[in-house]
Amino acid sequence: KPKPKPKPKPKPKPKPKPKPKPKPKPMAAFGGGYEAVTSFFGTNRAGHAVQRITLRGPSGVEASFLDHGATLVSFKACDKDGSYGEVTLNHSDSVADFEDDFQYYGSTVGRVANRIKEGTFELNGREYALSKNNFPNSLHGGKEGWSHRMWEFTTRCTPDYASVIFSIASADGEEGYPSRVDARVTFTLRSPSEGELPTASVGQWKDQLTICFQAYNMGELDTPINMTNHAYWNLSNGEEPSVLGHRLSLNASKYLAIDGNMIPAAIADVEGKPFDFREDQLLADVVARVDGGGQPGLDHCFVIDGRPYNEDWTSADISVAETHDLHAAPPGALQLMATLAEEGSQRVLALYGSQPGLQVYTANWLRPAAGDARNPHRQHGAVCLETQHFPDAVNQFRQASSRFGHCPVVLRPGEAYCHYSRWDFGVL
């Protein structure tokens, strides 16, 4: 019999083209009239997804953050017409721009904000050397400070507020600092009811942002801590490219005079000097009269009245610190530091804090190249109001604190740091 013809081999099916990975969908949490929405912002050079977290309140107030640097990237506040508009400098929609940014747009700064003289300090007979990223000093935690780290985060919404809680672990030896430190920063957005805000006498107050800074010494060595937020404020919603038309007042009768390297040289009276903001001043009348480190403008620390510089009563051992309310400062913790107002929009903010110092920086070094879309902001385009202890405190202000009996910016093993800032927003 003839052999049967072999069956033809089936043609191989073409491999299906891989489907592009969908971007993560926004996640939301709700509580009463408050919400927290998390969305994908971009991918950094290390391959990590950077998230944008937006908090919203029932009044229309909105604040947005990145987990890169625990960064405040946007805040929208009410104007005289009841419209909500941008009051910070939005740097970019590009993760790469934030990775390359050393203007610290809205970043959480640590371990130590501001400058440490010549990048060195001594503790317990041992000298520590830090990176000198603002030669000859170390600035804002060094070349890769907390402003350039990825933070873990959680969100929380209740009928009274929305919050995002960022956390980070800093290893022993990071940027030259001793001991392991675990840090946490909590941003809480609220729209308090009428009469609830014990605030400055000027303005009708609408909304509130509270920041709680915490750090825990989990290692075996003493280490300095001095955290702050570096937001750039311009209350005009982009209508004014400069803050020279803003009016600033400070609750400070003294300031830190500085040397040629921006290091404190003395505590001086503001009386009769451009630094006297006890009555509000137009920034345009001051900026040109002050040297801010080689450019005209303020880059000076003011000594807040009524806040002893060696007081650190909000710090405690770790077990006590865990009982602190992350979303509201305890009674008596906050002192009025500053008010800032913009005539066109009638927006005003009042700043309260638990620290003895306030660094005022009028964006002296924002000098974009013509047509540079990555750096759109001009010199004096905003003002930073940085609540903190004094610059170079680990070297110069080492008098015993009221609580622990040692330098107030130094944490010993098992101790915790806790400080608050509160921003009240309203209209004149």
Foldseek 3Di string as FASTA:
>chain_A
DDDDDDDDDDDDDDDDDDDDDDFDDWDKDEAAQKMKIKGFLQADPVGDTKIKIKIAGNLGWIWIAILFQRFTQWTWFQFPVSDTFTWFDRQDSDPVLQLVDPLQARGKFDQAAAWAPQQWFDDPRDIWHFACPLPSTAHRQHPCTSSGDGWDWDWDYHSFKIKIKTKDWDDACVRRWGAIKIKMKMKIKGQDDPPPDPFDPDFDFGIKIKIKIKMAGAGAFKTFGKIKTWTFTHHPNPPDLAQLQKKKAFQFQWWFDADLSRAGDDIGGCPPHLPHRNPIDRNVVRQQVDDPNPFGGFFTKGFHPPQDQQAQPLKWFPVVVVPADRHDHPPPQWDWTMKMAHPPRQKIKTKIKNHRIWTKTQQRPLPDDPPDSSRPHHGNSGITTIGIRDHNQSHPVWQQHPPPGTRSRMDHHRIMHIMMMMMIMGGD
